[in-house]
C-alpha atoms as a PDB file:
ATOM      1  CA  MET A   1       0.000   0.000   0.000  1.00  0.00           C
ATOM      2  CA  ILE A   2       1.241   3.465  -0.841  1.00  0.00           C
ATOM      3  CA  ASP A   3      -0.192   6.592   0.730  1.00  0.00           C
ATOM      4  CA  VAL A   4      -0.452   9.634  -1.518  1.00  0.00           C
ATOM      5  CA  PHE A   5      -1.134  12.756   0.462  1.00  0.00           C
ATOM      6  CA  HIS A   6      -1.991  15.875  -1.559  1.00  0.00           C
ATOM      7  CA  TYR A   7      -3.076  19.096   0.020  1.00  0.00           C
ATOM      8  CA  THR A   8      -2.982  22.800  -0.648  1.00  0.00           C
ATOM      9  CA  SER A   9      -2.908  25.287   2.147  1.00  0.00           C
ATOM     10  CA  PRO A  10      -4.755  28.559   1.721  1.00  0.00           C
ATOM     11  CA  LEU A  11      -3.306  32.011   2.384  1.00  0.00           C
ATOM     12  CA  GLY A  12      -0.294  31.868   0.060  1.00  0.00           C
ATOM     13  CA  VAL A  13       2.941  32.583   1.911  1.00  0.00           C
ATOM     14  CA  LEU A  14       1.268  32.294   5.328  1.00  0.00           C
ATOM     15  CA  GLY A  15      -0.111  28.887   4.362  1.00  0.00           C
ATOM     16  CA  LYS A  16       3.318  27.719   3.224  1.00  0.00           C
ATOM     17  CA  LEU A  17       4.814  28.918   6.502  1.00  0.00           C
ATOM     18  CA  ALA A  18       2.145  27.014   8.456  1.00  0.00           C
ATOM     19  CA  ASP A  19       2.921  23.920   6.343  1.00  0.00           C
ATOM     20  CA  TYR A  20       6.569  24.163   7.219  1.00  0.00           C
ATOM     21  CA  LEU A  21       6.033  24.856  10.923  1.00  0.00           C
ATOM     22  CA  PHE A  22       3.185  22.453  11.679  1.00  0.00           C
ATOM     23  CA  LEU A  23       2.080  20.098   8.926  1.00  0.00           C
ATOM     24  CA  LYS A  24       5.542  18.859   8.013  1.00  0.00           C
ATOM     25  CA  GLN A  25       5.867  17.366  11.517  1.00  0.00           C
ATOM     26  CA  TYR A  26       2.213  16.310  11.836  1.00  0.00           C
ATOM     27  CA  ARG A  27       1.794  14.569   8.471  1.00  0.00           C
ATOM     28  CA  PRO A  28       3.939  11.467   9.203  1.00  0.00           C
ATOM     29  CA  HIS A  29       2.152  10.932  12.531  1.00  0.00           C
ATOM     30  CA  LEU A  30      -1.242  11.277  10.830  1.00  0.00           C
ATOM     31  CA  LEU A  31      -0.373   8.688   8.175  1.00  0.00           C
ATOM     32  CA  LEU A  32       1.153   6.251  10.674  1.00  0.00           C
ATOM     33  CA  GLU A  33      -1.938   6.430  12.899  1.00  0.00           C
ATOM     34  CA  ARG A  34      -4.225   6.022   9.880  1.00  0.00           C
ATOM     35  CA  ASN A  35      -2.322   2.941   8.759  1.00  0.00           C
ATOM     36  CA  ARG A  36      -2.392   1.497  12.287  1.00  0.00           C
ATOM     37  CA  VAL A  37      -6.177   1.859  12.423  1.00  0.00           C
ATOM     38  CA  ILE A  38      -6.630   0.341   8.955  1.00  0.00           C
ATOM     39  CA  LYS A  39      -4.467  -2.641   9.937  1.00  0.00           C
ATOM     40  CA  GLU A  40      -6.337  -3.124  13.232  1.00  0.00           C
ATOM     41  CA  VAL A  41      -9.731  -3.061  11.517  1.00  0.00           C
ATOM     42  CA  ALA A  42      -8.628  -5.377   8.710  1.00  0.00           C
ATOM     43  CA  GLU A  43      -7.042  -7.966  11.001  1.00  0.00           C
ATOM     44  CA  SER A  44      -9.776  -8.001  13.640  1.00  0.00           C
ATOM     45  CA  GLY A  45     -12.764  -8.572  11.398  1.00  0.00           C
ATOM     46  CA  LYS A  46     -14.219  -5.169  12.292  1.00  0.00           C
ATOM     47  CA  TRP A  47     -14.155  -4.418   8.568  1.00  0.00           C
ATOM     48  CA  GLN A  48     -17.408  -6.346   8.245  1.00  0.00           C
ATOM     49  CA  GLU A  49     -19.088  -3.910  10.642  1.00  0.00           C
ATOM     50  CA  VAL A  50     -17.739  -0.971   8.648  1.00  0.00           C
ATOM     51  CA  LEU A  51     -19.103  -2.405   5.408  1.00  0.00           C
ATOM     52  CA  ALA A  52     -22.465  -3.085   7.053  1.00  0.00           C
ATOM     53  CA  MET A  53     -22.707   0.597   8.030  1.00  0.00           C
ATOM     54  CA  GLU A  54     -22.256   1.572   4.370  1.00  0.00           C
ATOM     55  CA  LYS A  55     -25.560  -0.076   3.395  1.00  0.00           C
END
């Protein structure tokens, strides 16, 4: 699995500064936590509950 994470921050230069100061450090943690949750759901069988909620 490959995560592709695209985003665009508003506010031009201020948005780019916020990206550098905050999102650059936060992004890896966000993706690692997301992958941990996906793995937990897939391996536990909880995925069937998630699919049932989609109906």
